Amino acid sequence: MASDVSICNRALALLGAKTIVSLSADQTEAEVMNAIYHDARDSILREARPACATFRTTLAKMSEAPAFGYANQFQLPTSPYCLSVLEVNEDADYLVEDRRILTDSSTCSIVYVGRITDAGVFDAATAFAIAARCAAEASYALAQNGSLTDRMWALSEKAIMDAQNADAVERGTDAIEVDQFKYARQ
């Protein structure tokens, strides 16, 4: 089971750096990892959109309507903290603005990516993608090697794609809708 420290140690191993016992340890590697880990984790969750960080909820309508443009507004969830909105009312017209969803719909059900603070929830591909991002972000600070930094960023991008592909296998398939374009070439 992954932990914040084990993910950071995997990143440090990719860099050939010393491992740490905690993010608050008094050593350069821990200070660098402590500075980047949480933002790197959130960034990967936003980009990879793994099932382990995907949630569904119905939001309560706010009493005050938006100043213009939409009839209603709904506050984004804070537990878990919403990192990215994936779907609103099965593709209703909406806008995310100032941590609120603006829409003409009178109800608001969303699918979203939430912040996960328990690293034990991450699947192996997501944990590795976070480690690779941490390695990329920490590489120059710890190794002062531009070539290594480039390789770590390439690894990070590949790890995100691998995590998305692994996750896609477990997600159901969307129904394909037939429309008028199906018959356009006949």
N, C-alpha and C. Protein backbone atom coordinates (compact mmCIF):
# COMPACT_ATOMS: atom_id res chain seq x y z
N MET A 1 0.85 -1.17 0.00
CA MET A 1 0.00 0.00 0.00
C MET A 1 0.90 1.24 0.00
N ALA A 2 0.58 2.17 -0.89
CA ALA A 2 1.39 3.38 -1.04
C ALA A 2 1.16 4.36 0.10
N SER A 3 2.16 5.17 0.35
CA SER A 3 2.06 6.29 1.28
C SER A 3 2.73 7.48 0.60
N ASP A 4 2.51 8.67 1.14
CA ASP A 4 3.16 9.85 0.57
C ASP A 4 4.67 9.65 0.52
N VAL A 5 5.24 9.12 1.60
CA VAL A 5 6.69 8.92 1.67
C VAL A 5 7.15 7.86 0.68
N SER A 6 6.39 6.77 0.54
CA SER A 6 6.83 5.73 -0.40
C SER A 6 6.77 6.23 -1.85
N ILE A 7 5.78 7.06 -2.16
CA ILE A 7 5.71 7.65 -3.50
C ILE A 7 6.89 8.59 -3.73
N CYS A 8 7.21 9.40 -2.72
CA CYS A 8 8.37 10.30 -2.83
C CYS A 8 9.67 9.51 -2.93
N ASN A 9 9.78 8.42 -2.19
CA ASN A 9 10.99 7.60 -2.27
C ASN A 9 11.13 6.94 -3.63
N ARG A 10 10.03 6.59 -4.24
CA ARG A 10 10.09 6.05 -5.61
C ARG A 10 10.61 7.12 -6.56
N ALA A 11 10.14 8.35 -6.38
CA ALA A 11 10.63 9.47 -7.19
C ALA A 11 12.12 9.67 -6.98
N LEU A 12 12.54 9.64 -5.73
CA LEU A 12 13.96 9.82 -5.42
C LEU A 12 14.80 8.69 -6.00
N ALA A 13 14.28 7.48 -5.98
CA ALA A 13 15.00 6.33 -6.57
C ALA A 13 15.16 6.53 -8.08
N LEU A 14 14.15 7.07 -8.75
CA LEU A 14 14.27 7.35 -10.18
C LEU A 14 15.40 8.34 -10.47
N LEU A 15 15.65 9.20 -9.49
CA LEU A 15 16.71 10.21 -9.64
C LEU A 15 18.06 9.74 -9.12
N GLY A 16 18.09 8.58 -8.48
CA GLY A 16 19.34 8.11 -7.88
C GLY A 16 19.70 8.90 -6.63
N ALA A 17 18.69 9.46 -5.97
CA ALA A 17 18.92 10.28 -4.78
C ALA A 17 18.68 9.47 -3.51
N LYS A 18 19.07 10.04 -2.38
CA LYS A 18 18.86 9.39 -1.08
C LYS A 18 17.37 9.36 -0.77
N THR A 19 16.91 8.28 -0.14
CA THR A 19 15.51 8.19 0.27
C THR A 19 15.31 8.94 1.59
N ILE A 20 14.05 9.10 1.95
CA ILE A 20 13.69 9.88 3.15
C ILE A 20 12.84 9.01 4.07
N VAL A 21 12.77 9.40 5.33
CA VAL A 21 11.91 8.70 6.28
C VAL A 21 10.61 9.47 6.53
N SER A 22 10.62 10.76 6.24
CA SER A 22 9.40 11.57 6.35
C SER A 22 9.57 12.83 5.50
N LEU A 23 8.45 13.43 5.16
CA LEU A 23 8.51 14.67 4.37
C LEU A 23 9.02 15.85 5.19
N SER A 24 9.03 15.70 6.50
CA SER A 24 9.50 16.78 7.37
C SER A 24 10.92 16.55 7.88
N ALA A 25 11.59 15.52 7.34
CA ALA A 25 12.96 15.23 7.77
C ALA A 25 13.87 16.40 7.42
N ASP A 26 14.95 16.52 8.19
CA ASP A 26 15.90 17.62 7.98
C ASP A 26 16.98 17.18 6.99
N GLN A 27 16.57 17.05 5.72
CA GLN A 27 17.51 16.74 4.65
C GLN A 27 16.98 17.36 3.37
N THR A 28 17.86 17.67 2.47
CA THR A 28 17.50 18.35 1.23
C THR A 28 16.42 17.63 0.45
N GLU A 29 16.56 16.31 0.31
CA GLU A 29 15.58 15.52 -0.46
C GLU A 29 14.18 15.64 0.14
N ALA A 30 14.08 15.59 1.45
CA ALA A 30 12.77 15.72 2.11
C ALA A 30 12.20 17.12 1.92
N GLU A 31 13.04 18.13 2.02
CA GLU A 31 12.57 19.51 1.83
C GLU A 31 12.04 19.72 0.42
N VAL A 32 12.75 19.19 -0.57
CA VAL A 32 12.31 19.34 -1.96
C VAL A 32 11.00 18.58 -2.17
N MET A 33 10.94 17.35 -1.70
CA MET A 33 9.71 16.56 -1.88
C MET A 33 8.53 17.19 -1.14
N ASN A 34 8.77 17.70 0.05
CA ASN A 34 7.71 18.35 0.80
C ASN A 34 7.18 19.58 0.05
N ALA A 35 8.06 20.27 -0.64
CA ALA A 35 7.67 21.47 -1.37
C ALA A 35 6.84 21.15 -2.62
N ILE A 36 7.05 19.98 -3.22
CA ILE A 36 6.38 19.70 -4.49
C ILE A 36 5.30 18.62 -4.44
N TYR A 37 5.34 17.74 -3.47
CA TYR A 37 4.50 16.55 -3.50
C TYR A 37 3.00 16.85 -3.66
N HIS A 38 2.44 17.67 -2.81
CA HIS A 38 0.99 17.88 -2.81
C HIS A 38 0.50 18.49 -4.12
N ASP A 39 1.22 19.46 -4.64
CA ASP A 39 0.82 20.05 -5.93
C ASP A 39 0.99 19.04 -7.06
N ALA A 40 2.07 18.25 -7.03
CA ALA A 40 2.28 17.23 -8.07
C ALA A 40 1.17 16.19 -8.01
N ARG A 41 0.80 15.76 -6.82
CA ARG A 41 -0.30 14.79 -6.66
C ARG A 41 -1.60 15.34 -7.25
N ASP A 42 -1.95 16.57 -6.87
CA ASP A 42 -3.19 17.17 -7.39
C ASP A 42 -3.15 17.34 -8.90
N SER A 43 -2.00 17.70 -9.42
CA SER A 43 -1.86 17.87 -10.86
C SER A 43 -2.08 16.55 -11.60
N ILE A 44 -1.51 15.48 -11.09
CA ILE A 44 -1.69 14.17 -11.71
C ILE A 44 -3.14 13.72 -11.62
N LEU A 45 -3.77 13.93 -10.48
CA LEU A 45 -5.18 13.55 -10.35
C LEU A 45 -6.04 14.31 -11.36
N ARG A 46 -5.76 15.60 -11.54
CA ARG A 46 -6.50 16.40 -12.54
C ARG A 46 -6.26 15.89 -13.95
N GLU A 47 -5.02 15.57 -14.26
CA GLU A 47 -4.67 15.15 -15.63
C GLU A 47 -5.10 13.72 -15.93
N ALA A 48 -4.83 12.80 -15.02
CA ALA A 48 -5.09 11.38 -15.28
C ALA A 48 -6.56 11.01 -15.04
N ARG A 49 -7.22 11.72 -14.15
CA ARG A 49 -8.63 11.48 -13.83
C ARG A 49 -8.91 10.02 -13.46
N PRO A 50 -8.15 9.48 -12.51
CA PRO A 50 -8.32 8.05 -12.18
C PRO A 50 -9.64 7.78 -11.46
N ALA A 51 -10.13 6.56 -11.62
CA ALA A 51 -11.38 6.16 -10.96
C ALA A 51 -11.26 6.27 -9.44
N CYS A 52 -10.07 6.05 -8.90
CA CYS A 52 -9.90 6.11 -7.44
C CYS A 52 -10.12 7.52 -6.89
N ALA A 53 -10.14 8.52 -7.76
CA ALA A 53 -10.35 9.91 -7.33
C ALA A 53 -11.59 10.52 -7.97
N THR A 54 -12.47 9.68 -8.52
CA THR A 54 -13.68 10.16 -9.18
C THR A 54 -14.88 9.98 -8.26
N PHE A 55 -15.67 11.03 -8.14
CA PHE A 55 -16.81 11.04 -7.23
C PHE A 55 -18.04 11.57 -7.95
N ARG A 56 -19.20 11.24 -7.39
CA ARG A 56 -20.48 11.74 -7.88
C ARG A 56 -21.22 12.37 -6.71
N THR A 57 -21.88 13.49 -6.98
CA THR A 57 -22.68 14.12 -5.94
C THR A 57 -23.72 15.03 -6.58
N THR A 58 -24.73 15.35 -5.81
CA THR A 58 -25.73 16.34 -6.22
C THR A 58 -25.50 17.55 -5.34
N LEU A 59 -25.37 18.70 -5.97
CA LEU A 59 -25.06 19.93 -5.25
C LEU A 59 -26.33 20.69 -4.88
N ALA A 60 -26.29 21.39 -3.77
CA ALA A 60 -27.40 22.24 -3.36
C ALA A 60 -27.30 23.58 -4.09
N LYS A 61 -28.43 24.06 -4.55
CA LYS A 61 -28.46 25.34 -5.26
C LYS A 61 -28.21 26.48 -4.28
N MET A 62 -27.41 27.44 -4.69
CA MET A 62 -27.12 28.60 -3.86
C MET A 62 -28.32 29.56 -3.95
N SER A 63 -28.57 30.29 -2.89
CA SER A 63 -29.73 31.18 -2.86
C SER A 63 -29.58 32.35 -3.83
N GLU A 64 -28.37 32.81 -4.02
CA GLU A 64 -28.13 33.95 -4.90
C GLU A 64 -27.84 33.47 -6.33
N ALA A 65 -28.54 34.05 -7.28
CA ALA A 65 -28.32 33.72 -8.69
C ALA A 65 -27.07 34.45 -9.19
N PRO A 66 -26.44 33.94 -10.26
CA PRO A 66 -25.30 34.66 -10.84
C PRO A 66 -25.74 36.04 -11.34
N ALA A 67 -24.81 36.96 -11.44
CA ALA A 67 -25.13 38.33 -11.87
C ALA A 67 -25.76 38.35 -13.26
N PHE A 68 -25.29 37.47 -14.16
CA PHE A 68 -25.87 37.39 -15.50
C PHE A 68 -25.40 36.11 -16.18
N GLY A 69 -26.04 35.76 -17.28
CA GLY A 69 -25.60 34.65 -18.11
C GLY A 69 -26.24 33.31 -17.80
N TYR A 70 -26.48 33.02 -16.53
CA TYR A 70 -27.08 31.75 -16.13
C TYR A 70 -28.09 32.01 -15.02
N ALA A 71 -29.04 31.10 -14.88
CA ALA A 71 -30.11 31.27 -13.89
C ALA A 71 -29.72 30.82 -12.49
N ASN A 72 -28.81 29.84 -12.39
CA ASN A 72 -28.50 29.25 -11.07
C ASN A 72 -27.01 29.02 -10.89
N GLN A 73 -26.62 28.93 -9.62
CA GLN A 73 -25.23 28.58 -9.32
C GLN A 73 -25.19 27.61 -8.16
N PHE A 74 -24.14 26.76 -8.18
CA PHE A 74 -23.96 25.69 -7.21
C PHE A 74 -22.50 25.68 -6.77
N GLN A 75 -22.27 25.59 -5.45
CA GLN A 75 -20.91 25.57 -4.90
C GLN A 75 -20.27 24.21 -5.16
N LEU A 76 -19.02 24.21 -5.62
CA LEU A 76 -18.29 22.96 -5.83
C LEU A 76 -17.99 22.29 -4.49
N PRO A 77 -17.89 20.97 -4.48
CA PRO A 77 -17.64 20.23 -3.23
C PRO A 77 -16.27 20.57 -2.62
N THR A 78 -16.24 20.51 -1.30
CA THR A 78 -14.98 20.72 -0.59
C THR A 78 -14.50 19.44 0.10
N SER A 79 -15.35 18.42 0.15
CA SER A 79 -14.96 17.17 0.78
C SER A 79 -15.45 15.99 -0.04
N PRO A 80 -14.61 15.32 -0.80
CA PRO A 80 -13.26 15.78 -1.09
C PRO A 80 -13.26 17.01 -1.99
N TYR A 81 -12.24 17.79 -1.82
CA TYR A 81 -12.07 19.04 -2.56
C TYR A 81 -12.09 18.77 -4.05
N CYS A 82 -12.92 19.49 -4.78
CA CYS A 82 -13.06 19.29 -6.22
C CYS A 82 -11.85 19.86 -6.96
N LEU A 83 -11.15 18.99 -7.68
CA LEU A 83 -10.01 19.41 -8.49
C LEU A 83 -10.41 19.67 -9.94
N SER A 84 -11.42 18.95 -10.42
CA SER A 84 -11.82 19.06 -11.81
C SER A 84 -13.23 18.51 -11.99
N VAL A 85 -14.07 19.25 -12.72
CA VAL A 85 -15.42 18.80 -13.02
C VAL A 85 -15.37 18.01 -14.32
N LEU A 86 -15.90 16.79 -14.30
CA LEU A 86 -15.89 15.94 -15.49
C LEU A 86 -17.22 15.98 -16.23
N GLU A 87 -18.31 16.06 -15.48
CA GLU A 87 -19.63 16.02 -16.11
C GLU A 87 -20.64 16.74 -15.21
N VAL A 88 -21.56 17.45 -15.83
CA VAL A 88 -22.64 18.12 -15.11
C VAL A 88 -23.95 17.73 -15.76
N ASN A 89 -24.87 17.19 -14.97
CA ASN A 89 -26.20 16.84 -15.48
C ASN A 89 -26.15 16.20 -16.86
N GLU A 90 -25.29 15.22 -17.02
CA GLU A 90 -25.17 14.54 -18.31
C GLU A 90 -25.01 15.52 -19.45
N ASP A 91 -24.00 16.36 -19.36
CA ASP A 91 -23.59 17.30 -20.40
C ASP A 91 -24.51 18.51 -20.57
N ALA A 92 -25.05 19.02 -19.49
CA ALA A 92 -25.82 20.27 -19.53
C ALA A 92 -24.87 21.42 -19.83
N ASP A 93 -25.40 22.53 -20.31
CA ASP A 93 -24.61 23.74 -20.54
C ASP A 93 -24.24 24.31 -19.17
N TYR A 94 -22.96 24.51 -18.93
CA TYR A 94 -22.51 25.04 -17.64
C TYR A 94 -21.17 25.74 -17.79
N LEU A 95 -20.81 26.45 -16.75
CA LEU A 95 -19.53 27.13 -16.67
C LEU A 95 -19.02 26.99 -15.24
N VAL A 96 -17.74 26.66 -15.09
CA VAL A 96 -17.13 26.62 -13.76
C VAL A 96 -16.42 27.95 -13.57
N GLU A 97 -16.79 28.63 -12.50
CA GLU A 97 -16.26 29.96 -12.25
C GLU A 97 -16.23 30.23 -10.74
N ASP A 98 -15.11 30.65 -10.22
CA ASP A 98 -15.00 31.02 -8.81
C ASP A 98 -15.47 29.89 -7.87
N ARG A 99 -15.03 28.64 -8.19
CA ARG A 99 -15.38 27.45 -7.40
C ARG A 99 -16.88 27.22 -7.35
N ARG A 100 -17.59 27.66 -8.40
CA ARG A 100 -19.03 27.45 -8.52
C ARG A 100 -19.36 26.97 -9.92
N ILE A 101 -20.47 26.25 -10.03
CA ILE A 101 -20.98 25.85 -11.33
C ILE A 101 -22.16 26.76 -11.64
N LEU A 102 -22.08 27.41 -12.77
CA LEU A 102 -23.18 28.26 -13.25
C LEU A 102 -23.90 27.49 -14.34
N THR A 103 -25.22 27.43 -14.25
CA THR A 103 -26.01 26.69 -15.23
C THR A 103 -27.45 27.19 -15.20
N ASP A 104 -28.18 26.90 -16.26
CA ASP A 104 -29.60 27.21 -16.27
C ASP A 104 -30.42 26.09 -15.64
N SER A 105 -29.81 24.95 -15.42
CA SER A 105 -30.51 23.82 -14.80
C SER A 105 -30.88 24.16 -13.36
N SER A 106 -32.03 23.65 -12.93
CA SER A 106 -32.47 23.92 -11.56
C SER A 106 -31.86 22.93 -10.56
N THR A 107 -31.27 21.85 -11.07
CA THR A 107 -30.56 20.88 -10.23
C THR A 107 -29.16 20.71 -10.81
N CYS A 108 -28.27 20.20 -10.00
CA CYS A 108 -26.89 20.03 -10.47
C CYS A 108 -26.27 18.78 -9.87
N SER A 109 -26.18 17.74 -10.69
CA SER A 109 -25.50 16.51 -10.31
C SER A 109 -24.20 16.46 -11.10
N ILE A 110 -23.11 16.19 -10.42
CA ILE A 110 -21.81 16.23 -11.08
C ILE A 110 -21.01 14.95 -10.86
N VAL A 111 -20.09 14.73 -11.79
CA VAL A 111 -19.03 13.74 -11.64
C VAL A 111 -17.76 14.58 -11.62
N TYR A 112 -16.90 14.35 -10.63
CA TYR A 112 -15.72 15.19 -10.50
C TYR A 112 -14.52 14.41 -9.97
N VAL A 113 -13.35 14.99 -10.18
CA VAL A 113 -12.12 14.46 -9.61
C VAL A 113 -11.88 15.21 -8.30
N GLY A 114 -11.72 14.44 -7.23
CA GLY A 114 -11.51 15.04 -5.92
C GLY A 114 -10.10 14.79 -5.42
N ARG A 115 -9.67 15.65 -4.52
CA ARG A 115 -8.35 15.50 -3.91
C ARG A 115 -8.36 14.31 -2.96
N ILE A 116 -7.42 13.41 -3.16
CA ILE A 116 -7.25 12.25 -2.30
C ILE A 116 -5.99 12.48 -1.47
N THR A 117 -6.14 12.49 -0.16
CA THR A 117 -4.99 12.71 0.72
C THR A 117 -4.44 11.42 1.31
N ASP A 118 -5.17 10.32 1.14
CA ASP A 118 -4.71 9.01 1.61
C ASP A 118 -4.10 8.27 0.42
N ALA A 119 -2.79 8.26 0.32
CA ALA A 119 -2.10 7.65 -0.82
C ALA A 119 -2.39 6.15 -0.94
N GLY A 120 -2.85 5.53 0.13
CA GLY A 120 -3.20 4.12 0.09
C GLY A 120 -4.37 3.82 -0.84
N VAL A 121 -5.11 4.83 -1.23
CA VAL A 121 -6.26 4.67 -2.13
C VAL A 121 -5.80 4.57 -3.59
N PHE A 122 -4.63 5.09 -3.90
CA PHE A 122 -4.17 5.12 -5.29
C PHE A 122 -3.89 3.72 -5.82
N ASP A 123 -4.29 3.49 -7.07
CA ASP A 123 -3.89 2.25 -7.73
C ASP A 123 -2.41 2.40 -8.10
N ALA A 124 -1.78 1.30 -8.49
CA ALA A 124 -0.34 1.30 -8.76
C ALA A 124 0.05 2.27 -9.87
N ALA A 125 -0.76 2.35 -10.92
CA ALA A 125 -0.42 3.23 -12.05
C ALA A 125 -0.51 4.69 -11.65
N THR A 126 -1.51 5.04 -10.85
CA THR A 126 -1.64 6.43 -10.39
C THR A 126 -0.50 6.79 -9.44
N ALA A 127 -0.16 5.89 -8.53
CA ALA A 127 0.96 6.13 -7.60
C ALA A 127 2.26 6.33 -8.38
N PHE A 128 2.49 5.53 -9.43
CA PHE A 128 3.70 5.69 -10.22
C PHE A 128 3.68 7.01 -10.99
N ALA A 129 2.53 7.39 -11.51
CA ALA A 129 2.44 8.67 -12.24
C ALA A 129 2.77 9.84 -11.31
N ILE A 130 2.32 9.77 -10.08
CA ILE A 130 2.64 10.83 -9.10
C ILE A 130 4.14 10.81 -8.80
N ALA A 131 4.71 9.62 -8.62
CA ALA A 131 6.16 9.52 -8.37
C ALA A 131 6.95 10.07 -9.54
N ALA A 132 6.53 9.75 -10.76
CA ALA A 132 7.25 10.24 -11.94
C ALA A 132 7.15 11.76 -12.04
N ARG A 133 5.99 12.33 -11.71
CA ARG A 133 5.86 13.79 -11.73
C ARG A 133 6.74 14.41 -10.67
N CYS A 134 6.78 13.81 -9.49
CA CYS A 134 7.65 14.33 -8.43
C CYS A 134 9.11 14.26 -8.86
N ALA A 135 9.49 13.17 -9.50
CA ALA A 135 10.87 13.04 -9.99
C ALA A 135 11.18 14.13 -11.02
N ALA A 136 10.25 14.38 -11.92
CA ALA A 136 10.45 15.41 -12.94
C ALA A 136 10.61 16.78 -12.30
N GLU A 137 9.72 17.09 -11.36
CA GLU A 137 9.76 18.41 -10.73
C GLU A 137 10.97 18.59 -9.82
N ALA A 138 11.45 17.51 -9.22
CA ALA A 138 12.58 17.60 -8.28
C ALA A 138 13.92 17.40 -8.95
N SER A 139 13.92 16.92 -10.18
CA SER A 139 15.17 16.47 -10.80
C SER A 139 16.24 17.55 -10.89
N TYR A 140 15.90 18.73 -11.32
CA TYR A 140 16.96 19.73 -11.46
C TYR A 140 17.44 20.22 -10.09
N ALA A 141 16.52 20.36 -9.16
CA ALA A 141 16.91 20.81 -7.81
C ALA A 141 17.85 19.82 -7.14
N LEU A 142 17.65 18.53 -7.39
CA LEU A 142 18.46 17.52 -6.71
C LEU A 142 19.67 17.06 -7.51
N ALA A 143 19.61 17.14 -8.83
CA ALA A 143 20.70 16.59 -9.64
C ALA A 143 21.39 17.61 -10.53
N GLN A 144 20.80 18.78 -10.72
CA GLN A 144 21.34 19.80 -11.62
C GLN A 144 21.78 19.21 -12.96
N ASN A 145 20.91 18.38 -13.53
CA ASN A 145 21.22 17.71 -14.78
C ASN A 145 20.04 17.89 -15.74
N GLY A 146 20.22 18.74 -16.73
CA GLY A 146 19.15 19.04 -17.68
C GLY A 146 18.68 17.82 -18.46
N SER A 147 19.62 16.95 -18.83
CA SER A 147 19.27 15.75 -19.57
C SER A 147 18.40 14.82 -18.72
N LEU A 148 18.74 14.66 -17.46
CA LEU A 148 17.94 13.85 -16.55
C LEU A 148 16.55 14.48 -16.38
N THR A 149 16.50 15.78 -16.25
CA THR A 149 15.21 16.47 -16.12
C THR A 149 14.34 16.20 -17.34
N ASP A 150 14.90 16.29 -18.53
CA ASP A 150 14.14 16.01 -19.76
C ASP A 150 13.62 14.57 -19.76
N ARG A 151 14.46 13.64 -19.35
CA ARG A 151 14.03 12.22 -19.30
C ARG A 151 12.92 12.01 -18.28
N MET A 152 13.01 12.69 -17.15
CA MET A 152 11.98 12.54 -16.11
C MET A 152 10.65 13.14 -16.58
N TRP A 153 10.69 14.25 -17.30
CA TRP A 153 9.44 14.82 -17.81
C TRP A 153 8.82 13.90 -18.85
N ALA A 154 9.64 13.28 -19.69
CA ALA A 154 9.12 12.33 -20.67
C ALA A 154 8.51 11.12 -19.95
N LEU A 155 9.19 10.63 -18.91
CA LEU A 155 8.66 9.52 -18.13
C LEU A 155 7.34 9.91 -17.48
N SER A 156 7.25 11.11 -16.97
CA SER A 156 6.03 11.59 -16.33
C SER A 156 4.86 11.59 -17.31
N GLU A 157 5.08 12.10 -18.50
CA GLU A 157 4.02 12.13 -19.51
C GLU A 157 3.58 10.71 -19.89
N LYS A 158 4.55 9.80 -20.04
CA LYS A 158 4.22 8.41 -20.36
C LYS A 158 3.45 7.77 -19.20
N ALA A 159 3.85 8.05 -17.98
CA ALA A 159 3.17 7.48 -16.81
C ALA A 159 1.73 7.95 -16.72
N ILE A 160 1.46 9.19 -17.09
CA ILE A 160 0.08 9.69 -17.10
C ILE A 160 -0.74 8.91 -18.12
N MET A 161 -0.19 8.73 -19.31
CA MET A 161 -0.91 7.97 -20.35
C MET A 161 -1.13 6.53 -19.92
N ASP A 162 -0.12 5.92 -19.31
CA ASP A 162 -0.27 4.54 -18.84
C ASP A 162 -1.36 4.45 -17.76
N ALA A 163 -1.40 5.42 -16.86
CA ALA A 163 -2.43 5.43 -15.81
C ALA A 163 -3.82 5.60 -16.43
N GLN A 164 -3.93 6.48 -17.42
CA GLN A 164 -5.22 6.67 -18.09
C GLN A 164 -5.64 5.40 -18.82
N ASN A 165 -4.70 4.74 -19.49
CA ASN A 165 -5.02 3.51 -20.21
C ASN A 165 -5.43 2.39 -19.25
N ALA A 166 -4.71 2.25 -18.15
CA ALA A 166 -5.05 1.21 -17.17
C ALA A 166 -6.43 1.48 -16.58
N ASP A 167 -6.73 2.73 -16.33
CA ASP A 167 -8.02 3.10 -15.77
C ASP A 167 -9.15 2.89 -16.77
N ALA A 168 -8.87 3.16 -18.04
CA ALA A 168 -9.90 3.02 -19.08
C ALA A 168 -10.39 1.59 -19.21
N VAL A 169 -9.54 0.63 -18.93
CA VAL A 169 -9.93 -0.78 -19.01
C VAL A 169 -11.04 -1.09 -18.00
N GLU A 170 -11.00 -0.44 -16.85
CA GLU A 170 -11.97 -0.71 -15.80
C GLU A 170 -13.26 0.09 -15.92
N ARG A 171 -13.25 1.13 -16.72
CA ARG A 171 -14.45 1.95 -16.88
C ARG A 171 -15.35 1.33 -17.93
N GLY A 172 -16.63 1.47 -17.75
CA GLY A 172 -17.58 0.96 -18.72
C GLY A 172 -17.46 1.70 -20.04
N THR A 173 -18.14 1.20 -21.03
CA THR A 173 -18.12 1.86 -22.32
C THR A 173 -19.31 2.78 -22.44
N ASP A 174 -19.11 3.89 -23.12
CA ASP A 174 -20.20 4.82 -23.39
C ASP A 174 -20.97 4.31 -24.60
N ALA A 175 -22.27 4.48 -24.57
CA ALA A 175 -23.09 4.09 -25.72
C ALA A 175 -22.77 5.02 -26.88
N ILE A 176 -22.69 4.45 -28.06
CA ILE A 176 -22.44 5.25 -29.26
C ILE A 176 -23.78 5.61 -29.87
N GLU A 177 -23.99 6.89 -30.06
CA GLU A 177 -25.24 7.35 -30.63
C GLU A 177 -25.11 7.46 -32.14
N VAL A 178 -26.13 6.98 -32.83
CA VAL A 178 -26.17 7.08 -34.28
C VAL A 178 -26.90 8.37 -34.62
N ASP A 179 -26.32 9.14 -35.51
CA ASP A 179 -26.97 10.38 -35.92
C ASP A 179 -27.05 10.47 -37.43
N GLN A 180 -27.47 11.59 -37.92
CA GLN A 180 -27.69 11.74 -39.36
C GLN A 180 -26.41 11.59 -40.18
N PHE A 181 -25.25 11.78 -39.59
CA PHE A 181 -24.01 11.69 -40.34
C PHE A 181 -23.66 10.25 -40.71
N LYS A 182 -24.26 9.29 -40.03
CA LYS A 182 -24.00 7.89 -40.35
C LYS A 182 -24.36 7.60 -41.79
N TYR A 183 -25.40 8.24 -42.28
CA TYR A 183 -25.90 7.96 -43.62
C TYR A 183 -25.44 8.99 -44.65
N ALA A 184 -24.54 9.88 -44.30
CA ALA A 184 -24.14 10.98 -45.17
C ALA A 184 -23.46 10.52 -46.46
N ARG A 185 -22.74 9.42 -46.45
CA ARG A 185 -21.99 8.99 -47.64
C ARG A 185 -22.76 8.01 -48.49
N GLN A 186 -24.01 7.75 -48.21
CA GLN A 186 -24.77 6.76 -49.00
C GLN A 186 -25.39 7.36 -50.22
